[in-house]
Amino acid sequence: MLVRNGTRDDLPQILTIYNDVIATSTAIYADRPATLEERAEWYEARIKRGYPVLVAVESERVLGFSSFGDWRNASGYRYTVEHSVHVASDRRGGGVGTKLVEALFPLALAMNMHVMIGGIDAANEGSLRFHERLGFQRTAHFKEVGRKFGHWLDLVFMQRLLDGPGAAR
């Protein structure tokens, strides 16, 4: 398995993974499948801002993807990014997600980032444990902020300091 920068040519496979996650889980709080045009806009916006879009590939098949982007728009948050990672259903639990998130850390540090945040469905114990293994800590629990599959959903924010507490900027 190789982790590399994603390209526009990877977008159809990224879209397939993304839409499977939408259809089968609460990892993404969306009710309808995304279009290729929407994923292309997402990709272009990330690249334009200098943010990475990474893919894990094996034999030309995209196994998963990761990225990060602005957490909030105000300038005071300029050292904080929010990441996302999604893996094909038949490859979850095999290290793909770990490689994809670990590859984001040095890229964020190179961009002078201090904190990486993840928003995770509170019922997704697997993802919460996954993030804890990668050094993220639970920092906030928002009750009933999302709705999907006829249920209210709680969102947990987790964060990881990338360069140590109180690092100078």
Protein backbone atom coordinates (compact mmCIF):
# COMPACT_ATOMS: atom_id res chain seq x y z
CA MET A 1 0.00 0.00 0.00
CA LEU A 2 1.24 3.45 -0.97
CA VAL A 3 0.06 6.77 0.50
CA ARG A 4 0.41 9.58 -2.02
CA ASN A 5 -1.13 12.90 -3.00
CA GLY A 6 -4.55 12.44 -4.50
CA THR A 7 -5.25 13.64 -8.03
CA ARG A 8 -8.36 14.60 -9.95
CA ASP A 9 -8.23 11.14 -11.50
CA ASP A 10 -8.77 9.64 -8.02
CA LEU A 11 -12.01 11.55 -7.46
CA PRO A 12 -14.41 8.86 -8.80
CA GLN A 13 -12.96 6.32 -6.35
CA ILE A 14 -12.92 8.88 -3.52
CA LEU A 15 -16.57 9.60 -4.31
CA THR A 16 -17.45 5.89 -4.13
CA ILE A 17 -15.89 5.58 -0.67
CA TYR A 18 -17.47 8.84 0.51
CA ASN A 19 -20.95 7.90 -0.70
CA ASP A 20 -20.70 4.44 0.87
CA VAL A 21 -19.91 6.09 4.22
CA ILE A 22 -22.89 8.44 3.79
CA ALA A 23 -25.24 5.55 2.95
CA THR A 24 -24.13 3.12 5.65
CA SER A 25 -22.97 5.10 8.68
CA THR A 26 -23.18 8.23 10.77
CA ALA A 27 -19.52 9.08 10.17
CA ILE A 28 -20.73 11.82 7.81
CA TYR A 29 -23.85 13.74 8.81
CA ALA A 30 -25.24 13.93 5.27
CA ASP A 31 -28.52 12.47 4.02
CA ARG A 32 -27.88 12.31 0.29
CA PRO A 33 -25.02 11.05 -1.84
CA ALA A 34 -22.49 13.58 -3.04
CA THR A 35 -21.96 14.22 -6.74
CA LEU A 36 -18.67 14.05 -8.58
CA GLU A 37 -18.97 17.81 -9.14
CA GLU A 38 -19.26 18.40 -5.36
CA ARG A 39 -16.22 16.23 -4.64
CA ALA A 40 -14.30 18.05 -7.37
CA GLU A 41 -15.19 21.40 -5.76
CA TRP A 42 -14.06 20.05 -2.36
CA TYR A 43 -10.79 18.84 -3.89
CA GLU A 44 -10.11 22.11 -5.73
CA ALA A 45 -10.84 24.17 -2.60
CA ARG A 46 -8.38 22.10 -0.55
CA ILE A 47 -5.65 22.29 -3.18
CA LYS A 48 -6.17 26.03 -3.70
CA ARG A 49 -5.60 26.62 0.04
CA GLY A 50 -2.48 24.44 -0.02
CA TYR A 51 -4.11 21.66 2.00
CA PRO A 52 -3.40 18.01 1.26
CA VAL A 53 -5.70 15.38 -0.15
CA LEU A 54 -4.02 12.01 0.36
CA VAL A 55 -5.01 8.61 -0.94
CA ALA A 56 -3.90 5.12 0.03
CA VAL A 57 -3.62 2.99 -3.09
CA GLU A 58 -2.91 -0.61 -3.90
CA SER A 59 -2.83 -1.87 -7.47
CA GLU A 60 -4.36 1.43 -8.65
CA ARG A 61 -7.34 1.00 -6.29
CA VAL A 62 -8.00 3.84 -3.83
CA LEU A 63 -8.42 2.20 -0.41
CA GLY A 64 -9.08 5.41 1.49
CA PHE A 65 -8.41 9.12 1.62
CA SER A 66 -7.58 11.80 4.15
CA SER A 67 -7.34 15.56 4.21
CA PHE A 68 -7.48 18.58 6.45
CA GLY A 69 -8.78 22.08 6.09
CA ASP A 70 -9.73 25.18 8.03
CA TRP A 71 -11.44 24.52 11.33
CA ARG A 72 -13.03 27.96 11.54
CA ASN A 73 -12.65 31.09 9.44
CA ALA A 74 -11.53 33.69 12.02
CA SER A 75 -7.81 34.52 11.87
CA GLY A 76 -7.28 33.48 15.49
CA TYR A 77 -7.86 29.87 14.44
CA ARG A 78 -5.23 29.93 11.69
CA TYR A 79 -3.07 27.35 13.49
CA THR A 80 -5.87 24.79 13.80
CA VAL A 81 -7.10 22.38 11.14
CA GLU A 82 -9.86 19.77 11.05
CA HIS A 83 -9.09 16.47 9.42
CA SER A 84 -11.16 13.78 7.78
CA VAL A 85 -10.32 10.19 6.92
CA HIS A 86 -12.47 7.56 5.20
CA VAL A 87 -11.57 4.02 4.22
CA ALA A 88 -13.27 1.56 1.85
CA SER A 89 -15.55 -0.76 3.83
CA ASP A 90 -13.59 -3.91 2.99
CA ARG A 91 -10.29 -2.37 4.17
CA ARG A 92 -11.29 -0.88 7.53
CA GLY A 93 -9.37 -2.08 10.55
CA GLY A 94 -6.29 -3.05 8.55
CA GLY A 95 -4.09 0.01 9.07
CA VAL A 96 -5.14 2.08 6.06
CA GLY A 97 -6.71 4.81 8.19
CA THR A 98 -3.72 4.92 10.50
CA LYS A 99 -1.32 5.45 7.60
CA LEU A 100 -3.55 8.15 6.11
CA VAL A 101 -3.87 10.15 9.33
CA GLU A 102 -0.22 9.72 10.35
CA ALA A 103 0.77 11.09 6.93
CA LEU A 104 -1.19 14.28 7.68
CA PHE A 105 0.78 15.18 10.83
CA PRO A 106 4.08 16.23 9.19
CA LEU A 107 2.19 18.08 6.46
CA ALA A 108 0.25 20.08 9.06
CA LEU A 109 3.46 20.82 10.98
CA ALA A 110 5.12 21.99 7.76
CA MET A 111 2.23 24.45 7.39
CA ASN A 112 2.90 25.71 10.92
CA MET A 113 -0.24 24.14 12.38
CA HIS A 114 -0.51 23.62 16.13
CA VAL A 115 -3.72 21.60 16.58
CA MET A 116 -5.58 19.00 14.54
CA ILE A 117 -9.25 18.40 15.33
CA GLY A 118 -11.58 15.58 14.40
CA GLY A 119 -15.36 15.53 14.68
CA ILE A 120 -16.59 11.99 15.38
CA ASP A 121 -20.07 10.57 15.93
CA ALA A 122 -20.29 9.79 19.66
CA ALA A 123 -21.67 6.30 18.98
CA ASN A 124 -18.71 5.40 16.74
CA GLU A 125 -16.57 3.76 19.44
CA GLY A 126 -14.22 2.29 16.83
CA SER A 127 -13.34 5.72 15.44
CA LEU A 128 -13.03 7.22 18.92
CA ARG A 129 -10.57 4.49 19.96
CA PHE A 130 -8.74 4.83 16.62
CA HIS A 131 -8.19 8.53 17.25
CA GLU A 132 -7.09 7.95 20.84
CA ARG A 133 -4.44 5.49 19.58
CA LEU A 134 -3.18 8.28 17.32
CA GLY A 135 -2.82 10.68 20.26
CA PHE A 136 -6.12 12.57 20.02
CA GLN A 137 -7.96 13.46 23.22
CA ARG A 138 -11.70 13.90 23.66
CA THR A 139 -12.35 17.57 24.28
CA ALA A 140 -16.06 18.23 23.69
CA HIS A 141 -19.32 16.29 23.49
CA PHE A 142 -22.21 18.03 21.75
CA LYS A 143 -25.63 16.48 22.39
CA GLU A 144 -28.12 15.97 19.55
CA VAL A 145 -26.45 18.35 17.08
CA GLY A 146 -27.01 16.08 14.07
CA ARG A 147 -29.86 14.02 12.71
CA LYS A 148 -29.67 11.02 10.42
CA PHE A 149 -31.52 7.73 9.95
CA GLY A 150 -34.37 9.13 12.09
CA HIS A 151 -32.20 9.67 15.18
CA TRP A 152 -30.52 12.57 16.92
CA LEU A 153 -26.75 12.26 16.89
CA ASP A 154 -24.12 13.42 19.36
CA LEU A 155 -20.80 14.75 18.07
CA VAL A 156 -17.48 14.39 19.88
CA PHE A 157 -14.59 16.70 19.11
CA MET A 158 -11.13 15.28 19.60
CA GLN A 159 -7.88 17.16 19.27
CA ARG A 160 -4.19 16.45 18.99
CA LEU A 161 -1.47 18.98 19.67
CA LEU A 162 0.97 18.65 16.82
CA ASP A 163 3.98 20.40 18.31
CA GLY A 164 3.50 20.39 22.08
CA PRO A 165 1.56 22.55 24.54
CA GLY A 166 2.22 26.27 24.33
CA ALA A 167 4.54 26.07 21.33
CA ALA A 168 5.51 29.54 20.11
CA ARG A 169 4.03 30.83 16.85
